[in-house]
């Protein structure tokens, strides 16, 4: 497996660019999230490049799906075409919708009850 310096560059360049830009344009919490996302996507790129170096040949849609829409960091498992992922059942969809709705309620209502000064 050959990973080059070029593969590591986004991991160093994204935070190095995010910090000075975000510091002068965003509030502190925005800077925090910008730096966190830059580190996250730097590692996503590195895991993607390692999977390609190990022989994975993802198409454009799979690459975009892995980098931007999948939260995991196991690129070889994501690109393994032998794995057949079962379709989620109706129960799983309902559980996901319930958890999402609960999160929305907690975010918009419960936080205001417990932290009224920050509402």
PDB file of N, CA and C in Angstrom:
ATOM      1  N   UNK A   1       0.855  -1.176   0.000  1.00  0.00           N
ATOM      2  CA  UNK A   1       0.000   0.000   0.000  1.00  0.00           C
ATOM      3  C   UNK A   1       0.898   1.236   0.000  1.00  0.00           C
ATOM      4  N   UNK A   2       0.722   2.069  -1.000  1.00  0.00           N
ATOM      5  CA  UNK A   2       1.554   3.258  -1.126  1.00  0.00           C
ATOM      6  C   UNK A   2       0.686   4.494  -0.962  1.00  0.00           C
ATOM      7  N   UNK A   3       0.902   5.205   0.131  1.00  0.00           N
ATOM      8  CA  UNK A   3       0.219   6.472   0.373  1.00  0.00           C
ATOM      9  C   UNK A   3       1.290   7.542   0.333  1.00  0.00           C
ATOM     10  N   UNK A   4       1.066   8.557  -0.479  1.00  0.00           N
ATOM     11  CA  UNK A   4       2.086   9.573  -0.695  1.00  0.00           C
ATOM     12  C   UNK A   4       1.832  10.805   0.171  1.00  0.00           C
ATOM     13  N   UNK A   5       2.785  11.698   0.160  1.00  0.00           N
ATOM     14  CA  UNK A   5       2.649  12.967   0.881  1.00  0.00           C
ATOM     15  C   UNK A   5       1.434  13.738   0.375  1.00  0.00           C
ATOM     16  N   UNK A   6       1.176  13.639  -0.904  1.00  0.00           N
ATOM     17  CA  UNK A   6       0.015  14.312  -1.501  1.00  0.00           C
ATOM     18  C   UNK A   6      -1.290  13.844  -0.856  1.00  0.00           C
ATOM     19  N   UNK A   7      -1.331  12.592  -0.440  1.00  0.00           N
ATOM     20  CA  UNK A   7      -2.524  12.063   0.215  1.00  0.00           C
ATOM     21  C   UNK A   7      -2.721  12.658   1.606  1.00  0.00           C
ATOM     22  N   UNK A   8      -1.637  13.037   2.261  1.00  0.00           N
ATOM     23  CA  UNK A   8      -1.707  13.618   3.604  1.00  0.00           C
ATOM     24  C   UNK A   8      -1.968  15.127   3.580  1.00  0.00           C
ATOM     25  N   UNK A   9      -1.728  15.783   2.475  1.00  0.00           N
ATOM     26  CA  UNK A   9      -1.829  17.248   2.425  1.00  0.00           C
ATOM     27  C   UNK A   9      -3.170  17.812   2.893  1.00  0.00           C
ATOM     28  N   UNK A  10      -4.318  17.282   2.463  1.00  0.00           N
ATOM     29  CA  UNK A  10      -5.574  17.870   2.946  1.00  0.00           C
ATOM     30  C   UNK A  10      -5.717  17.833   4.461  1.00  0.00           C
ATOM     31  N   UNK A  11      -5.144  16.820   5.097  1.00  0.00           N
ATOM     32  CA  UNK A  11      -5.239  16.721   6.550  1.00  0.00           C
ATOM     33  C   UNK A  11      -4.515  17.882   7.230  1.00  0.00           C
ATOM     34  N   UNK A  12      -3.487  18.401   6.604  1.00  0.00           N
ATOM     35  CA  UNK A  12      -2.760  19.530   7.175  1.00  0.00           C
ATOM     36  C   UNK A  12      -3.243  20.867   6.614  1.00  0.00           C
ATOM     37  N   UNK A  13      -3.570  20.890   5.330  1.00  0.00           N
ATOM     38  CA  UNK A  13      -3.955  22.155   4.706  1.00  0.00           C
ATOM     39  C   UNK A  13      -5.350  22.632   5.093  1.00  0.00           C
ATOM     40  N   UNK A  14      -6.311  21.725   5.188  1.00  0.00           N
ATOM     41  CA  UNK A  14      -7.676  22.157   5.520  1.00  0.00           C
ATOM     42  C   UNK A  14      -7.745  22.869   6.873  1.00  0.00           C
ATOM     43  N   UNK A  15      -7.206  22.295   7.961  1.00  0.00           N
ATOM     44  CA  UNK A  15      -7.227  23.042   9.226  1.00  0.00           C
ATOM     45  C   UNK A  15      -6.381  24.313   9.175  1.00  0.00           C
ATOM     46  N   UNK A  16      -5.242  24.249   8.471  1.00  0.00           N
ATOM     47  CA  UNK A  16      -4.384  25.431   8.382  1.00  0.00           C
ATOM     48  C   UNK A  16      -5.086  26.579   7.667  1.00  0.00           C
ATOM     49  N   UNK A  17      -5.954  26.270   6.722  1.00  0.00           N
ATOM     50  CA  UNK A  17      -6.729  27.310   6.042  1.00  0.00           C
ATOM     51  C   UNK A  17      -7.978  27.683   6.826  1.00  0.00           C
ATOM     52  N   UNK A  18      -8.583  26.708   7.481  1.00  0.00           N
ATOM     53  CA  UNK A  18      -9.838  26.958   8.201  1.00  0.00           C
ATOM     54  C   UNK A  18      -9.636  27.878   9.396  1.00  0.00           C
ATOM     55  N   UNK A  19      -8.548  27.708  10.112  1.00  0.00           N
ATOM     56  CA  UNK A  19      -8.346  28.485  11.341  1.00  0.00           C
ATOM     57  C   UNK A  19      -8.276  29.984  11.066  1.00  0.00           C
ATOM     58  N   UNK A  20      -7.395  30.463  10.190  1.00  0.00           N
ATOM     59  CA  UNK A  20      -7.346  31.922  10.003  1.00  0.00           C
ATOM     60  C   UNK A  20      -8.596  32.498   9.341  1.00  0.00           C
ATOM     61  N   UNK A  21      -9.197  31.755   8.433  1.00  0.00           N
ATOM     62  CA  UNK A  21     -10.402  32.259   7.763  1.00  0.00           C
ATOM     63  C   UNK A  21     -11.567  32.308   8.741  1.00  0.00           C
ATOM     64  N   UNK A  22     -11.792  31.225   9.470  1.00  0.00           N
ATOM     65  CA  UNK A  22     -12.938  31.155  10.383  1.00  0.00           C
ATOM     66  C   UNK A  22     -12.768  32.090  11.573  1.00  0.00           C
ATOM     67  N   UNK A  23     -11.565  32.241  12.049  1.00  0.00           N
ATOM     68  CA  UNK A  23     -11.328  33.068  13.232  1.00  0.00           C
ATOM     69  C   UNK A  23     -11.772  34.509  13.015  1.00  0.00           C
ATOM     70  N   UNK A  24     -11.612  35.010  11.811  1.00  0.00           N
ATOM     71  CA  UNK A  24     -11.933  36.413  11.543  1.00  0.00           C
ATOM     72  C   UNK A  24     -13.317  36.617  10.942  1.00  0.00           C
ATOM     73  N   UNK A  25     -14.019  35.542  10.636  1.00  0.00           N
ATOM     74  CA  UNK A  25     -15.326  35.700   9.995  1.00  0.00           C
ATOM     75  C   UNK A  25     -16.474  35.049  10.753  1.00  0.00           C
ATOM     76  N   UNK A  26     -16.186  34.162  11.694  1.00  0.00           N
ATOM     77  CA  UNK A  26     -17.236  33.420  12.395  1.00  0.00           C
ATOM     78  C   UNK A  26     -17.119  33.619  13.902  1.00  0.00           C
ATOM     79  N   UNK A  27     -18.219  33.409  14.620  1.00  0.00           N
ATOM     80  CA  UNK A  27     -18.107  33.404  16.083  1.00  0.00           C
ATOM     81  C   UNK A  27     -17.284  32.192  16.533  1.00  0.00           C
ATOM     82  N   UNK A  28     -16.941  32.149  17.805  1.00  0.00           N
ATOM     83  CA  UNK A  28     -16.065  31.088  18.322  1.00  0.00           C
ATOM     84  C   UNK A  28     -16.616  29.695  18.041  1.00  0.00           C
ATOM     85  N   UNK A  29     -17.918  29.493  18.218  1.00  0.00           N
ATOM     86  CA  UNK A  29     -18.482  28.165  17.969  1.00  0.00           C
ATOM     87  C   UNK A  29     -18.389  27.807  16.488  1.00  0.00           C
ATOM     88  N   UNK A  30     -18.501  28.791  15.605  1.00  0.00           N
ATOM     89  CA  UNK A  30     -18.363  28.539  14.173  1.00  0.00           C
ATOM     90  C   UNK A  30     -16.945  28.146  13.811  1.00  0.00           C
ATOM     91  N   UNK A  31     -15.981  28.797  14.461  1.00  0.00           N
ATOM     92  CA  UNK A  31     -14.582  28.440  14.245  1.00  0.00           C
ATOM     93  C   UNK A  31     -14.326  27.007  14.702  1.00  0.00           C
ATOM     94  N   UNK A  32     -14.870  26.658  15.864  1.00  0.00           N
ATOM     95  CA  UNK A  32     -14.713  25.302  16.391  1.00  0.00           C
ATOM     96  C   UNK A  32     -15.233  24.266  15.402  1.00  0.00           C
ATOM     97  N   UNK A  33     -16.443  24.475  14.891  1.00  0.00           N
ATOM     98  CA  UNK A  33     -17.023  23.506  13.967  1.00  0.00           C
ATOM     99  C   UNK A  33     -16.281  23.485  12.635  1.00  0.00           C
ATOM    100  N   UNK A  34     -15.821  24.633  12.175  1.00  0.00           N
ATOM    101  CA  UNK A  34     -15.072  24.678  10.920  1.00  0.00           C
ATOM    102  C   UNK A  34     -13.777  23.885  11.036  1.00  0.00           C
ATOM    103  N   UNK A  35     -13.073  24.057  12.126  1.00  0.00           N
ATOM    104  CA  UNK A  35     -11.829  23.312  12.331  1.00  0.00           C
ATOM    105  C   UNK A  35     -12.123  21.818  12.491  1.00  0.00           C
ATOM    106  N   UNK A  36     -13.170  21.479  13.248  1.00  0.00           N
ATOM    107  CA  UNK A  36     -13.523  20.064  13.430  1.00  0.00           C
ATOM    108  C   UNK A  36     -13.871  19.408  12.097  1.00  0.00           C
ATOM    109  N   UNK A  37     -14.670  20.089  11.281  1.00  0.00           N
ATOM    110  CA  UNK A  37     -15.027  19.524   9.978  1.00  0.00           C
ATOM    111  C   UNK A  37     -13.812  19.433   9.063  1.00  0.00           C
ATOM    112  N   UNK A  38     -12.909  20.396   9.130  1.00  0.00           N
ATOM    113  CA  UNK A  38     -11.722  20.329   8.278  1.00  0.00           C
ATOM    114  C   UNK A  38     -10.847  19.133   8.656  1.00  0.00           C
ATOM    115  N   UNK A  39     -10.731  18.843   9.938  1.00  0.00           N
ATOM    116  CA  UNK A  39      -9.968  17.668  10.371  1.00  0.00           C
ATOM    117  C   UNK A  39     -10.689  16.386   9.955  1.00  0.00           C
ATOM    118  N   UNK A  40     -12.007  16.350  10.164  1.00  0.00           N
ATOM    119  CA  UNK A  40     -12.801  15.181   9.784  1.00  0.00           C
ATOM    120  C   UNK A  40     -12.643  14.880   8.293  1.00  0.00           C
ATOM    121  N   UNK A  41     -12.808  15.897   7.445  1.00  0.00           N
ATOM    122  CA  UNK A  41     -12.711  15.659   6.005  1.00  0.00           C
ATOM    123  C   UNK A  41     -11.276  15.400   5.556  1.00  0.00           C
ATOM    124  N   UNK A  42     -10.304  15.912   6.288  1.00  0.00           N
ATOM    125  CA  UNK A  42      -8.918  15.554   6.005  1.00  0.00           C
ATOM    126  C   UNK A  42      -8.678  14.067   6.212  1.00  0.00           C
ATOM    127  N   UNK A  43      -9.223  13.534   7.311  1.00  0.00           N
ATOM    128  CA  UNK A  43      -9.103  12.096   7.560  1.00  0.00           C
ATOM    129  C   UNK A  43      -9.944  11.284   6.580  1.00  0.00           C
ATOM    130  N   UNK A  44     -11.114  11.795   6.215  1.00  0.00           N
ATOM    131  CA  UNK A  44     -11.932  11.087   5.220  1.00  0.00           C
ATOM    132  C   UNK A  44     -11.144  10.935   3.922  1.00  0.00           C
ATOM    133  N   UNK A  45     -10.490  12.011   3.495  1.00  0.00           N
ATOM    134  CA  UNK A  45      -9.699  11.962   2.271  1.00  0.00           C
ATOM    135  C   UNK A  45      -8.570  10.941   2.403  1.00  0.00           C
ATOM    136  N   UNK A  46      -7.902  10.942   3.554  1.00  0.00           N
ATOM    137  CA  UNK A  46      -6.797  10.011   3.761  1.00  0.00           C
ATOM    138  C   UNK A  46      -7.283   8.563   3.715  1.00  0.00           C
ATOM    139  N   UNK A  47      -8.406   8.255   4.352  1.00  0.00           N
ATOM    140  CA  UNK A  47      -8.921   6.885   4.313  1.00  0.00           C
ATOM    141  C   UNK A  47      -9.368   6.513   2.901  1.00  0.00           C
ATOM    142  N   UNK A  48      -9.907   7.472   2.175  1.00  0.00           N
ATOM    143  CA  UNK A  48     -10.296   7.238   0.778  1.00  0.00           C
ATOM    144  C   UNK A  48      -9.062   6.891  -0.055  1.00  0.00           C
ATOM    145  N   UNK A  49      -8.009   7.690   0.089  1.00  0.00           N
ATOM    146  CA  UNK A  49      -6.791   7.457  -0.694  1.00  0.00           C
ATOM    147  C   UNK A  49      -6.138   6.119  -0.324  1.00  0.00           C
ATOM    148  N   UNK A  50      -6.196   5.757   0.946  1.00  0.00           N
ATOM    149  CA  UNK A  50      -5.640   4.461   1.355  1.00  0.00           C
ATOM    150  C   UNK A  50      -6.424   3.315   0.738  1.00  0.00           C
ATOM    151  N   UNK A  51      -7.736   3.438   0.688  1.00  0.00           N
ATOM    152  CA  UNK A  51      -8.554   2.385   0.073  1.00  0.00           C
ATOM    153  C   UNK A  51      -8.215   2.248  -1.403  1.00  0.00           C
ATOM    154  N   UNK A  52      -8.030   3.363  -2.083  1.00  0.00           N
ATOM    155  CA  UNK A  52      -7.658   3.322  -3.503  1.00  0.00           C
ATOM    156  C   UNK A  52      -6.275   2.691  -3.657  1.00  0.00           C
ATOM    157  N   UNK A  53      -5.350   3.029  -2.761  1.00  0.00           N
ATOM    158  CA  UNK A  53      -4.009   2.443  -2.819  1.00  0.00           C
ATOM    159  C   UNK A  53      -4.046   0.934  -2.564  1.00  0.00           C
ATOM    160  N   UNK A  54      -5.046   0.472  -1.798  1.00  0.00           N
ATOM    161  CA  UNK A  54      -5.184  -0.960  -1.515  1.00  0.00           C
ATOM    162  C   UNK A  54      -5.916  -1.699  -2.631  1.00  0.00           C
ATOM    163  N   UNK A  55      -6.358  -0.975  -3.652  1.00  0.00           N
ATOM    164  CA  UNK A  55      -6.969  -1.643  -4.792  1.00  0.00           C
ATOM    165  C   UNK A  55      -8.428  -1.342  -5.040  1.00  0.00           C
ATOM    166  N   UNK A  56      -9.059  -0.568  -4.193  1.00  0.00           N
ATOM    167  CA  UNK A  56     -10.470  -0.209  -4.421  1.00  0.00           C
ATOM    168  C   UNK A  56     -10.560   0.684  -5.650  1.00  0.00           C
ATOM    169  N   UNK A  57     -11.581   0.479  -6.441  1.00  0.00           N
ATOM    170  CA  UNK A  57     -11.804   1.286  -7.636  1.00  0.00           C
ATOM    171  C   UNK A  57     -13.216   1.868  -7.598  1.00  0.00           C
ATOM    172  N   UNK A  58     -13.435   2.834  -6.714  1.00  0.00           N
ATOM    173  CA  UNK A  58     -14.787   3.392  -6.604  1.00  0.00           C
ATOM    174  C   UNK A  58     -15.104   4.304  -7.777  1.00  0.00           C
ATOM    175  N   UNK A  59     -16.363   4.313  -8.156  1.00  0.00           N
ATOM    176  CA  UNK A  59     -16.811   5.243  -9.175  1.00  0.00           C
ATOM    177  C   UNK A  59     -17.032   6.618  -8.558  1.00  0.00           C
ATOM    178  N   UNK A  60     -17.429   7.570  -9.382  1.00  0.00           N
ATOM    179  CA  UNK A  60     -17.640   8.936  -8.912  1.00  0.00           C
ATOM    180  C   UNK A  60     -18.745   8.995  -7.859  1.00  0.00           C
ATOM    181  N   UNK A  61     -19.870   8.315  -8.109  1.00  0.00           N
ATOM    182  CA  UNK A  61     -20.978   8.342  -7.147  1.00  0.00           C
ATOM    183  C   UNK A  61     -20.576   7.714  -5.819  1.00  0.00           C
ATOM    184  N   UNK A  62     -19.866   6.613  -5.866  1.00  0.00           N
ATOM    185  CA  UNK A  62     -19.418   5.974  -4.624  1.00  0.00           C
ATOM    186  C   UNK A  62     -18.430   6.858  -3.873  1.00  0.00           C
ATOM    187  N   UNK A  63     -17.543   7.507  -4.601  1.00  0.00           N
ATOM    188  CA  UNK A  63     -16.559   8.388  -3.968  1.00  0.00           C
ATOM    189  C   UNK A  63     -17.235   9.558  -3.269  1.00  0.00           C
ATOM    190  N   UNK A  64     -18.167  10.193  -3.955  1.00  0.00           N
ATOM    191  CA  UNK A  64     -18.900  11.314  -3.358  1.00  0.00           C
ATOM    192  C   UNK A  64     -19.720  10.830  -2.168  1.00  0.00           C
ATOM    193  N   UNK A  65     -20.357   9.679  -2.318  1.00  0.00           N
ATOM    194  CA  UNK A  65     -21.134   9.115  -1.220  1.00  0.00           C
ATOM    195  C   UNK A  65     -20.283   8.850   0.008  1.00  0.00           C
ATOM    196  N   UNK A  66     -19.099   8.304  -0.196  1.00  0.00           N
ATOM    197  CA  UNK A  66     -18.220   8.017   0.941  1.00  0.00           C
ATOM    198  C   UNK A  66     -17.731   9.302   1.599  1.00  0.00           C
ATOM    199  N   UNK A  67     -17.222  10.221   0.805  1.00  0.00           N
ATOM    200  CA  UNK A  67     -16.599  11.415   1.374  1.00  0.00           C
ATOM    201  C   UNK A  67     -17.616  12.344   2.035  1.00  0.00           C
ATOM    202  N   UNK A  68     -18.773  12.531   1.428  1.00  0.00           N
ATOM    203  CA  UNK A  68     -19.702  13.549   1.935  1.00  0.00           C
ATOM    204  C   UNK A  68     -20.928  13.016   2.674  1.00  0.00           C
ATOM    205  N   UNK A  69     -21.320  11.775   2.448  1.00  0.00           N
ATOM    206  CA  UNK A  69     -22.595  11.322   2.994  1.00  0.00           C
ATOM    207  C   UNK A  69     -22.516  10.129   3.937  1.00  0.00           C
ATOM    208  N   UNK A  70     -21.361   9.530   4.095  1.00  0.00           N
ATOM    209  CA  UNK A  70     -21.230   8.394   5.000  1.00  0.00           C
ATOM    210  C   UNK A  70     -20.372   8.815   6.175  1.00  0.00           C
ATOM    211  N   UNK A  71     -20.840   8.599   7.394  1.00  0.00           N
ATOM    212  CA  UNK A  71     -20.116   9.078   8.571  1.00  0.00           C
ATOM    213  C   UNK A  71     -18.962   8.170   8.968  1.00  0.00           C
ATOM    214  N   UNK A  72     -18.935   6.951   8.467  1.00  0.00           N
ATOM    215  CA  UNK A  72     -17.882   6.010   8.835  1.00  0.00           C
ATOM    216  C   UNK A  72     -16.546   6.351   8.195  1.00  0.00           C
ATOM    217  N   UNK A  73     -15.494   5.703   8.701  1.00  0.00           N
ATOM    218  CA  UNK A  73     -14.144   5.927   8.182  1.00  0.00           C
ATOM    219  C   UNK A  73     -13.529   4.660   7.587  1.00  0.00           C
ATOM    220  N   UNK A  74     -14.316   3.611   7.421  1.00  0.00           N
ATOM    221  CA  UNK A  74     -13.804   2.357   6.887  1.00  0.00           C
ATOM    222  C   UNK A  74     -14.070   2.307   5.384  1.00  0.00           C
ATOM    223  N   UNK A  75     -13.208   2.964   4.626  1.00  0.00           N
ATOM    224  CA  UNK A  75     -13.404   3.054   3.182  1.00  0.00           C
ATOM    225  C   UNK A  75     -13.378   1.693   2.487  1.00  0.00           C
ATOM    226  N   UNK A  76     -12.453   0.781   2.828  1.00  0.00           N
ATOM    227  CA  UNK A  76     -12.487  -0.519   2.148  1.00  0.00           C
ATOM    228  C   UNK A  76     -13.819  -1.248   2.321  1.00  0.00           C
ATOM    229  N   UNK A  77     -14.406  -1.173   3.505  1.00  0.00           N
ATOM    230  CA  UNK A  77     -15.708  -1.819   3.721  1.00  0.00           C
ATOM    231  C   UNK A  77     -16.796  -1.129   2.908  1.00  0.00           C
ATOM    232  N   UNK A  78     -16.730   0.189   2.808  1.00  0.00           N
ATOM    233  CA  UNK A  78     -17.737   0.930   2.048  1.00  0.00           C
ATOM    234  C   UNK A  78     -17.667   0.580   0.563  1.00  0.00           C
ATOM    235  N   UNK A  79     -16.460   0.432   0.039  1.00  0.00           N
ATOM    236  CA  UNK A  79     -16.287   0.180  -1.394  1.00  0.00           C
ATOM    237  C   UNK A  79     -16.310  -1.303  -1.761  1.00  0.00           C
ATOM    238  N   UNK A  80     -16.436  -2.187  -0.791  1.00  0.00           N
ATOM    239  CA  UNK A  80     -16.464  -3.622  -1.059  1.00  0.00           C
ATOM    240  C   UNK A  80     -17.781  -3.985  -1.744  1.00  0.00           C
ATOM    241  N   UNK A  81     -17.700  -4.355  -3.000  1.00  0.00           N
ATOM    242  CA  UNK A  81     -18.908  -4.643  -3.791  1.00  0.00           C
ATOM    243  C   UNK A  81     -19.489  -6.019  -3.498  1.00  0.00           C
ATOM    244  N   UNK A  82     -18.753  -6.831  -2.759  1.00  0.00           N
ATOM    245  CA  UNK A  82     -19.264  -8.161  -2.419  1.00  0.00           C
ATOM    246  C   UNK A  82     -20.289  -8.101  -1.296  1.00  0.00           C
ATOM    247  N   UNK A  83     -20.261  -7.015  -0.529  1.00  0.00           N
ATOM    248  CA  UNK A  83     -21.186  -6.871   0.600  1.00  0.00           C
ATOM    249  C   UNK A  83     -22.530  -6.365   0.082  1.00  0.00           C
ATOM    250  N   UNK A  84     -23.567  -7.084   0.409  1.00  0.00           N
ATOM    251  CA  UNK A  84     -24.919  -6.669   0.032  1.00  0.00           C
ATOM    252  C   UNK A  84     -25.605  -6.158   1.296  1.00  0.00           C
ATOM    253  N   UNK A  85     -25.929  -4.890   1.286  1.00  0.00           N
ATOM    254  CA  UNK A  85     -26.556  -4.269   2.450  1.00  0.00           C
ATOM    255  C   UNK A  85     -28.063  -4.464   2.351  1.00  0.00           C
ATOM    256  N   UNK A  86     -28.676  -5.032   3.388  1.00  0.00           N
ATOM    257  CA  UNK A  86     -30.128  -5.238   3.327  1.00  0.00           C
ATOM    258  C   UNK A  86     -30.881  -3.912   3.395  1.00  0.00           C
ATOM    259  N   UNK A  87     -32.016  -3.891   2.731  1.00  0.00           N
ATOM    260  CA  UNK A  87     -32.864  -2.708   2.740  1.00  0.00           C
ATOM    261  C   UNK A  87     -33.471  -2.548   4.135  1.00  0.00           C
ATOM    262  N   UNK A  88     -33.504  -1.314   4.681  1.00  0.00           N
ATOM    263  CA  UNK A  88     -34.088  -1.123   6.010  1.00  0.00           C
ATOM    264  C   UNK A  88     -35.569  -1.492   6.022  1.00  0.00           C
ATOM    265  N   UNK A  89     -35.986  -2.107   7.115  1.00  0.00           N
ATOM    266  CA  UNK A  89     -37.397  -2.483   7.254  1.00  0.00           C
ATOM    267  C   UNK A  89     -38.222  -1.253   7.619  1.00  0.00           C
ATOM    268  N   UNK A  90     -39.528  -1.405   7.542  1.00  0.00           N
ATOM    269  CA  UNK A  90     -40.419  -0.313   7.922  1.00  0.00           C
ATOM    270  C   UNK A  90     -40.230   0.090   9.371  1.00  0.00           C
ATOM    271  N   UNK A  91     -39.985  -0.899  10.231  1.00  0.00           N
ATOM    272  CA  UNK A  91     -39.753  -0.622  11.651  1.00  0.00           C
ATOM    273  C   UNK A  91     -38.504   0.237  11.835  1.00  0.00           C
ATOM    274  N   UNK A  92     -37.450  -0.073  11.094  1.00  0.00           N
ATOM    275  CA  UNK A  92     -36.219   0.713  11.203  1.00  0.00           C
ATOM    276  C   UNK A  92     -36.436   2.148  10.738  1.00  0.00           C
ATOM    277  N   UNK A  93     -37.227   2.339   9.682  1.00  0.00           N
ATOM    278  CA  UNK A  93     -37.541   3.688   9.214  1.00  0.00           C
ATOM    279  C   UNK A  93     -38.325   4.458  10.273  1.00  0.00           C
ATOM    280  N   UNK A  94     -39.298   3.791  10.902  1.00  0.00           N
ATOM    281  CA  UNK A  94     -40.083   4.448  11.954  1.00  0.00           C
ATOM    282  C   UNK A  94     -39.213   4.822  13.151  1.00  0.00           C
ATOM    283  N   UNK A  95     -38.306   3.935  13.529  1.00  0.00           N
ATOM    284  CA  UNK A  95     -37.389   4.247  14.629  1.00  0.00           C
ATOM    285  C   UNK A  95     -36.525   5.457  14.288  1.00  0.00           C
ATOM    286  N   UNK A  96     -36.031   5.503  13.069  1.00  0.00           N
ATOM    287  CA  UNK A  96     -35.196   6.629  12.653  1.00  0.00           C
ATOM    288  C   UNK A  96     -35.991   7.931  12.646  1.00  0.00           C
ATOM    289  N   UNK A  97     -37.212   7.888  12.139  1.00  0.00           N
ATOM    290  CA  UNK A  97     -38.053   9.090  12.137  1.00  0.00           C
ATOM    291  C   UNK A  97     -38.370   9.543  13.558  1.00  0.00           C
ATOM    292  N   UNK A  98     -38.660   8.595  14.448  1.00  0.00           N
ATOM    293  CA  UNK A  98     -38.945   8.935  15.840  1.00  0.00           C
ATOM    294  C   UNK A  98     -37.734   9.601  16.493  1.00  0.00           C
ATOM    295  N   UNK A  99     -36.553   9.035  16.290  1.00  0.00           N
ATOM    296  CA  UNK A  99     -35.347   9.600  16.892  1.00  0.00           C
ATOM    297  C   UNK A  99     -35.046  10.989  16.335  1.00  0.00           C
ATOM    298  N   UNK A 100     -35.284  11.180  15.047  1.00  0.00           N
ATOM    299  CA  UNK A 100     -35.081  12.492  14.449  1.00  0.00           C
ATOM    300  C   UNK A 100     -36.060  13.503  15.026  1.00  0.00           C
ATOM    301  N   UNK A 101     -37.328  13.118  15.130  1.00  0.00           N
ATOM    302  CA  UNK A 101     -38.340  14.015  15.702  1.00  0.00           C
ATOM    303  C   UNK A 101     -38.016  14.336  17.159  1.00  0.00           C
ATOM    304  N   UNK A 102     -37.576  13.343  17.911  1.00  0.00           N
ATOM    305  CA  UNK A 102     -37.198  13.575  19.300  1.00  0.00           C
ATOM    306  C   UNK A 102     -36.027  14.556  19.385  1.00  0.00           C
ATOM    307  N   UNK A 103     -35.077  14.411  18.506  1.00  0.00           N
ATOM    308  CA  UNK A 103     -33.951  15.342  18.475  1.00  0.00           C
ATOM    309  C   UNK A 103     -34.385  16.761  18.173  1.00  0.00           C
ATOM    310  N   UNK A 104     -35.320  16.916  17.241  1.00  0.00           N
ATOM    311  CA  UNK A 104     -35.838  18.249  16.912  1.00  0.00           C
ATOM    312  C   UNK A 104     -36.541  18.852  18.124  1.00  0.00           C
ATOM    313  N   UNK A 105     -37.361  18.059  18.793  1.00  0.00           N
ATOM    314  CA  UNK A 105     -38.071  18.546  19.988  1.00  0.00           C
ATOM    315  C   UNK A 105     -37.071  18.957  21.066  1.00  0.00           C
ATOM    316  N   UNK A 106     -36.085  18.123  21.321  1.00  0.00           N
ATOM    317  CA  UNK A 106     -35.085  18.461  22.335  1.00  0.00           C
ATOM    318  C   UNK A 106     -34.323  19.720  21.960  1.00  0.00           C
ATOM    319  N   UNK A 107     -33.970  19.835  20.705  1.00  0.00           N
ATOM    320  CA  UNK A 107     -33.192  20.984  20.252  1.00  0.00           C
ATOM    321  C   UNK A 107     -33.984  22.281  20.379  1.00  0.00           C
ATOM    322  N   UNK A 108     -35.220  22.281  19.907  1.00  0.00           N
ATOM    323  CA  UNK A 108     -35.983  23.523  19.861  1.00  0.00           C
ATOM    324  C   UNK A 108     -36.761  23.831  21.136  1.00  0.00           C
ATOM    325  N   UNK A 109     -37.101  22.834  21.932  1.00  0.00           N
ATOM    326  CA  UNK A 109     -37.952  23.092  23.093  1.00  0.00           C
ATOM    327  C   UNK A 109     -37.260  22.816  24.427  1.00  0.00           C
ATOM    328  N   UNK A 110     -36.696  21.643  24.591  1.00  0.00           N
ATOM    329  CA  UNK A 110     -36.104  21.290  25.883  1.00  0.00           C
ATOM    330  C   UNK A 110     -34.912  22.180  26.218  1.00  0.00           C
ATOM    331  N   UNK A 111     -34.100  22.492  25.245  1.00  0.00           N
ATOM    332  CA  UNK A 111     -32.941  23.344  25.509  1.00  0.00           C
ATOM    333  C   UNK A 111     -33.381  24.720  25.997  1.00  0.00           C
ATOM    334  N   UNK A 112     -34.475  25.245  25.484  1.00  0.00           N
ATOM    335  CA  UNK A 112     -34.979  26.554  25.913  1.00  0.00           C
ATOM    336  C   UNK A 112     -35.523  26.508  27.336  1.00  0.00           C
ATOM    337  N   UNK A 113     -36.040  25.367  27.738  1.00  0.00           N
ATOM    338  CA  UNK A 113     -36.555  25.227  29.106  1.00  0.00           C
ATOM    339  C   UNK A 113     -35.399  25.208  30.108  1.00  0.00           C
ATOM    340  N   UNK A 114     -34.362  24.439  29.809  1.00  0.00           N
ATOM    341  CA  UNK A 114     -33.261  24.279  30.750  1.00  0.00           C
ATOM    342  C   UNK A 114     -32.226  25.398  30.675  1.00  0.00           C
ATOM    343  N   UNK A 115     -32.140  26.070  29.531  1.00  0.00           N
ATOM    344  CA  UNK A 115     -31.175  27.156  29.363  1.00  0.00           C
ATOM    345  C   UNK A 115     -31.866  28.383  28.780  1.00  0.00           C
ATOM    346  N   UNK A 116     -32.771  29.014  29.527  1.00  0.00           N
ATOM    347  CA  UNK A 116     -33.539  30.134  28.971  1.00  0.00           C
ATOM    348  C   UNK A 116     -32.669  31.341  28.619  1.00  0.00           C
ATOM    349  N   UNK A 117     -31.536  31.497  29.270  1.00  0.00           N
ATOM    350  CA  UNK A 117     -30.673  32.643  28.970  1.00  0.00           C
ATOM    351  C   UNK A 117     -30.056  32.537  27.580  1.00  0.00           C
ATOM    352  N   UNK A 118     -29.991  31.335  27.041  1.00  0.00           N
ATOM    353  CA  UNK A 118     -29.374  31.132  25.725  1.00  0.00           C
ATOM    354  C   UNK A 118     -30.400  30.964  24.615  1.00  0.00           C
ATOM    355  N   UNK A 119     -31.663  31.135  24.928  1.00  0.00           N
ATOM    356  CA  UNK A 119     -32.719  30.923  23.931  1.00  0.00           C
ATOM    357  C   UNK A 119     -32.771  32.062  22.941  1.00  0.00           C
TER     358      UNK A 119
END
